[in-house]
Amino acid sequence: MTTVADILRAKGSAEVHHVGPEDSMLEALQRMAEYRIGALMVLEGDRSSRIAGIVTERDYARKIVLQGRNSATTPVREVMTAAVHCVDMAQTCEECMALMTRERIRHLPVLDDQKMLAGIVSIGDLVKAIISEQQFTIEQLEHYISGKHG
């Protein structure tokens, strides 16, 4: 079974993009656009600091655009989700998918053994890993059926 550690290893980059709670939503959006991502961790201080929340494009659409607020003057802390669901490196794709489905979220921060932020996995990362795992199983079954297993 594929674990979160496997997914982070496959992604390669250990960089977790983030903003601070006092940064403007415009700054957060610019950073998301720059890195072509849909969510940013909100950290108090640097990456080794406390997770204050997570802010997503969905938060922007629902809490800025639909409410007629100004992204240049609205701080991230007023828009972010403070109750962040996290996973650890040993959790499986299936466990993460179940959590995401139950909580209706698309991004999960990953904490290492020291409870430090190690990365973030998205629903897309999980789907890619599950499809890859299923393709491998199909190939193995095809080899077995065709007699090429020995």
C-alpha atoms as a PDB file:
ATOM      1  CA  MET A   1       0.000   0.000   0.000  1.00  0.00           C
ATOM      2  CA  THR A   2       1.186   3.453  -0.871  1.00  0.00           C
ATOM      3  CA  THR A   3       1.836   5.725   2.105  1.00  0.00           C
ATOM      4  CA  VAL A   4       2.010   9.479   2.438  1.00  0.00           C
ATOM      5  CA  ALA A   5       5.808   9.158   2.719  1.00  0.00           C
ATOM      6  CA  ASP A   6       5.851   7.429  -0.702  1.00  0.00           C
ATOM      7  CA  ILE A   7       3.802  10.239  -2.242  1.00  0.00           C
ATOM      8  CA  LEU A   8       6.031  12.971  -0.805  1.00  0.00           C
ATOM      9  CA  ARG A   9       9.124  11.126  -2.009  1.00  0.00           C
ATOM     10  CA  ALA A  10       7.631  10.867  -5.534  1.00  0.00           C
ATOM     11  CA  LYS A  11       6.730  14.569  -5.550  1.00  0.00           C
ATOM     12  CA  GLY A  12      10.392  15.354  -4.969  1.00  0.00           C
ATOM     13  CA  SER A  13      10.232  18.885  -3.607  1.00  0.00           C
ATOM     14  CA  ALA A  14      10.063  19.167   0.161  1.00  0.00           C
ATOM     15  CA  GLU A  15       9.119  22.843  -0.008  1.00  0.00           C
ATOM     16  CA  VAL A  16       5.794  23.717   1.578  1.00  0.00           C
ATOM     17  CA  HIS A  17       4.504  27.048   0.353  1.00  0.00           C
ATOM     18  CA  HIS A  18       2.986  29.179   3.057  1.00  0.00           C
ATOM     19  CA  VAL A  19       1.809  32.609   4.138  1.00  0.00           C
ATOM     20  CA  GLY A  20       1.410  34.273   7.487  1.00  0.00           C
ATOM     21  CA  PRO A  21      -1.936  35.064   9.101  1.00  0.00           C
ATOM     22  CA  GLU A  22      -1.372  38.804   8.694  1.00  0.00           C
ATOM     23  CA  ASP A  23      -0.513  38.602   4.977  1.00  0.00           C
ATOM     24  CA  SER A  24      -3.223  39.843   2.652  1.00  0.00           C
ATOM     25  CA  MET A  25      -5.385  37.480   0.662  1.00  0.00           C
ATOM     26  CA  LEU A  26      -4.006  39.147  -2.463  1.00  0.00           C
ATOM     27  CA  GLU A  27      -0.492  38.049  -1.433  1.00  0.00           C
ATOM     28  CA  ALA A  28      -1.798  34.522  -0.827  1.00  0.00           C
ATOM     29  CA  LEU A  29      -3.470  34.424  -4.243  1.00  0.00           C
ATOM     30  CA  GLN A  30      -0.350  35.710  -5.964  1.00  0.00           C
ATOM     31  CA  ARG A  31       1.696  32.980  -4.290  1.00  0.00           C
ATOM     32  CA  MET A  32      -0.833  30.286  -5.281  1.00  0.00           C
ATOM     33  CA  ALA A  33      -0.741  31.532  -8.881  1.00  0.00           C
ATOM     34  CA  GLU A  34       3.066  31.685  -8.906  1.00  0.00           C
ATOM     35  CA  TYR A  35       3.403  28.071  -7.753  1.00  0.00           C
ATOM     36  CA  ARG A  36       0.291  26.818  -9.563  1.00  0.00           C
ATOM     37  CA  ILE A  37      -1.236  25.403  -6.390  1.00  0.00           C
ATOM     38  CA  GLY A  38      -4.685  25.600  -4.817  1.00  0.00           C
ATOM     39  CA  ALA A  39      -3.799  25.943  -1.142  1.00  0.00           C
ATOM     40  CA  LEU A  40      -1.230  27.445   1.189  1.00  0.00           C
ATOM     41  CA  MET A  41      -0.390  26.590   4.745  1.00  0.00           C
ATOM     42  CA  VAL A  42      -0.778  29.487   7.127  1.00  0.00           C
ATOM     43  CA  LEU A  43       2.150  29.436   9.536  1.00  0.00           C
ATOM     44  CA  GLU A  44       3.034  31.636  12.443  1.00  0.00           C
ATOM     45  CA  GLY A  45       6.705  32.228  11.692  1.00  0.00           C
ATOM     46  CA  ASP A  46       8.707  29.875   9.486  1.00  0.00           C
ATOM     47  CA  ARG A  47       8.072  26.276   8.454  1.00  0.00           C
ATOM     48  CA  SER A  48       9.081  24.925  11.848  1.00  0.00           C
ATOM     49  CA  SER A  49       6.486  27.121  13.525  1.00  0.00           C
ATOM     50  CA  ARG A  50       2.934  26.441  14.562  1.00  0.00           C
ATOM     51  CA  ILE A  51       0.300  25.761  11.919  1.00  0.00           C
ATOM     52  CA  ALA A  52      -2.278  28.526  12.210  1.00  0.00           C
ATOM     53  CA  GLY A  53      -4.478  27.242   9.389  1.00  0.00           C
ATOM     54  CA  ILE A  54      -4.832  26.591   5.682  1.00  0.00           C
ATOM     55  CA  VAL A  55      -6.169  28.901   2.993  1.00  0.00           C
ATOM     56  CA  THR A  56      -7.485  27.704  -0.366  1.00  0.00           C
ATOM     57  CA  GLU A  57      -8.852  29.053  -3.608  1.00  0.00           C
ATOM     58  CA  ARG A  58     -12.259  27.860  -2.399  1.00  0.00           C
ATOM     59  CA  ASP A  59     -11.892  30.038   0.719  1.00  0.00           C
ATOM     60  CA  TYR A  60     -11.145  32.996  -1.533  1.00  0.00           C
ATOM     61  CA  ALA A  61     -14.179  32.386  -3.721  1.00  0.00           C
ATOM     62  CA  ARG A  62     -16.564  31.940  -0.812  1.00  0.00           C
ATOM     63  CA  LYS A  63     -15.222  34.409   1.735  1.00  0.00           C
ATOM     64  CA  ILE A  64     -13.880  37.221  -0.441  1.00  0.00           C
ATOM     65  CA  VAL A  65     -15.546  37.241  -3.852  1.00  0.00           C
ATOM     66  CA  LEU A  66     -19.055  36.195  -2.809  1.00  0.00           C
ATOM     67  CA  GLN A  67     -19.013  38.537   0.186  1.00  0.00           C
ATOM     68  CA  GLY A  68     -17.712  41.483  -1.824  1.00  0.00           C
ATOM     69  CA  ARG A  69     -14.576  41.876   0.279  1.00  0.00           C
ATOM     70  CA  ASN A  70     -11.281  43.349  -0.890  1.00  0.00           C
ATOM     71  CA  SER A  71      -8.468  40.795  -1.213  1.00  0.00           C
ATOM     72  CA  ALA A  72      -5.792  43.493  -0.925  1.00  0.00           C
ATOM     73  CA  THR A  73      -6.984  44.605   2.500  1.00  0.00           C
ATOM     74  CA  THR A  74      -8.342  41.365   3.981  1.00  0.00           C
ATOM     75  CA  PRO A  75      -5.808  39.427   6.059  1.00  0.00           C
ATOM     76  CA  VAL A  76      -5.494  35.685   5.555  1.00  0.00           C
ATOM     77  CA  ARG A  77      -6.483  35.056   9.206  1.00  0.00           C
ATOM     78  CA  GLU A  78     -10.033  36.258   8.400  1.00  0.00           C
ATOM     79  CA  VAL A  79     -10.411  33.783   5.533  1.00  0.00           C
ATOM     80  CA  MET A  80      -8.326  30.721   6.470  1.00  0.00           C
ATOM     81  CA  THR A  81      -9.627  27.504   7.954  1.00  0.00           C
ATOM     82  CA  ALA A  82      -8.106  27.249  11.424  1.00  0.00           C
ATOM     83  CA  ALA A  83      -9.177  23.672  12.209  1.00  0.00           C
ATOM     84  CA  VAL A  84      -6.668  21.831  10.015  1.00  0.00           C
ATOM     85  CA  HIS A  85      -6.808  18.058   9.558  1.00  0.00           C
ATOM     86  CA  CYS A  86      -3.284  16.617   9.352  1.00  0.00           C
ATOM     87  CA  VAL A  87      -1.872  13.186   8.564  1.00  0.00           C
ATOM     88  CA  ASP A  88       1.412  11.479   9.354  1.00  0.00           C
ATOM     89  CA  MET A  89       3.947   9.912   7.006  1.00  0.00           C
ATOM     90  CA  ALA A  90       2.775   6.340   7.625  1.00  0.00           C
ATOM     91  CA  GLN A  91      -0.853   6.848   6.672  1.00  0.00           C
ATOM     92  CA  THR A  92      -2.059   5.168   3.489  1.00  0.00           C
ATOM     93  CA  CYS A  93      -3.668   6.737   0.453  1.00  0.00           C
ATOM     94  CA  GLU A  94      -6.908   5.005   1.354  1.00  0.00           C
ATOM     95  CA  GLU A  95      -6.909   6.485   4.864  1.00  0.00           C
ATOM     96  CA  CYS A  96      -6.251   9.954   3.453  1.00  0.00           C
ATOM     97  CA  MET A  97      -8.981   9.606   0.831  1.00  0.00           C
ATOM     98  CA  ALA A  98     -11.462   8.512   3.519  1.00  0.00           C
ATOM     99  CA  LEU A  99     -10.567  11.557   5.647  1.00  0.00           C
ATOM    100  CA  MET A 100     -10.818  13.929   2.685  1.00  0.00           C
ATOM    101  CA  THR A 101     -14.172  12.500   1.658  1.00  0.00           C
ATOM    102  CA  ARG A 102     -15.574  12.612   5.182  1.00  0.00           C
ATOM    103  CA  GLU A 103     -14.367  16.176   5.860  1.00  0.00           C
ATOM    104  CA  ARG A 104     -14.909  17.449   2.285  1.00  0.00           C
ATOM    105  CA  ILE A 105     -11.369  18.786   1.968  1.00  0.00           C
ATOM    106  CA  ARG A 106      -8.807  18.660  -0.840  1.00  0.00           C
ATOM    107  CA  HIS A 107      -5.472  19.187   0.932  1.00  0.00           C
ATOM    108  CA  LEU A 108      -3.825  17.472   3.893  1.00  0.00           C
ATOM    109  CA  PRO A 109      -0.721  18.766   5.666  1.00  0.00           C
ATOM    110  CA  VAL A 110       1.729  16.002   6.567  1.00  0.00           C
ATOM    111  CA  LEU A 111       3.539  15.982   9.898  1.00  0.00           C
ATOM    112  CA  ASP A 112       6.737  14.031  10.546  1.00  0.00           C
ATOM    113  CA  ASP A 113       7.651  12.165  13.744  1.00  0.00           C
ATOM    114  CA  GLN A 114       8.597  15.393  15.487  1.00  0.00           C
ATOM    115  CA  LYS A 115       5.224  16.883  14.499  1.00  0.00           C
ATOM    116  CA  MET A 116       6.948  19.250  12.099  1.00  0.00           C
ATOM    117  CA  LEU A 117       5.355  20.135   8.775  1.00  0.00           C
ATOM    118  CA  ALA A 118       6.899  17.716   6.255  1.00  0.00           C
ATOM    119  CA  GLY A 119       4.722  18.417   3.222  1.00  0.00           C
ATOM    120  CA  ILE A 120       1.214  18.576   1.888  1.00  0.00           C
ATOM    121  CA  VAL A 121      -0.752  16.091  -0.196  1.00  0.00           C
ATOM    122  CA  SER A 122      -3.655  16.996  -2.431  1.00  0.00           C
ATOM    123  CA  ILE A 123      -6.547  14.936  -3.688  1.00  0.00           C
ATOM    124  CA  GLY A 124      -4.762  14.909  -7.057  1.00  0.00           C
ATOM    125  CA  ASP A 125      -1.620  13.426  -5.481  1.00  0.00           C
ATOM    126  CA  LEU A 126      -3.689  10.653  -3.920  1.00  0.00           C
ATOM    127  CA  VAL A 127      -5.633   9.874  -7.090  1.00  0.00           C
ATOM    128  CA  LYS A 128      -2.382   9.700  -9.074  1.00  0.00           C
ATOM    129  CA  ALA A 129      -0.855   7.293  -6.534  1.00  0.00           C
ATOM    130  CA  ILE A 130      -3.940   5.067  -6.427  1.00  0.00           C
ATOM    131  CA  ILE A 131      -4.150   4.892 -10.232  1.00  0.00           C
ATOM    132  CA  SER A 132      -0.460   4.004 -10.423  1.00  0.00           C
ATOM    133  CA  GLU A 133      -0.929   1.258  -7.839  1.00  0.00           C
ATOM    134  CA  GLN A 134      -3.939  -0.135  -9.732  1.00  0.00           C
ATOM    135  CA  GLN A 135      -2.063  -0.071 -13.053  1.00  0.00           C
ATOM    136  CA  PHE A 136       0.747  -2.093 -11.468  1.00  0.00           C
ATOM    137  CA  THR A 137      -1.754  -4.657 -10.164  1.00  0.00           C
ATOM    138  CA  ILE A 138      -3.396  -4.927 -13.591  1.00  0.00           C
ATOM    139  CA  GLU A 139      -0.017  -5.480 -15.257  1.00  0.00           C
ATOM    140  CA  GLN A 140       0.859  -8.185 -12.747  1.00  0.00           C
ATOM    141  CA  LEU A 141      -2.463  -9.943 -13.326  1.00  0.00           C
ATOM    142  CA  GLU A 142      -2.033  -9.731 -17.100  1.00  0.00           C
ATOM    143  CA  HIS A 143       1.427 -11.294 -16.807  1.00  0.00           C
ATOM    144  CA  TYR A 144       0.069 -14.022 -14.576  1.00  0.00           C
ATOM    145  CA  ILE A 145      -2.836 -14.806 -16.916  1.00  0.00           C
ATOM    146  CA  SER A 146      -0.612 -14.831 -20.017  1.00  0.00           C
ATOM    147  CA  GLY A 147       1.920 -17.104 -18.318  1.00  0.00           C
ATOM    148  CA  LYS A 148       4.735 -14.498 -18.251  1.00  0.00           C
ATOM    149  CA  HIS A 149       5.106 -14.657 -14.484  1.00  0.00           C
ATOM    150  CA  GLY A 150       8.067 -16.882 -14.177  1.00  0.00           C
END
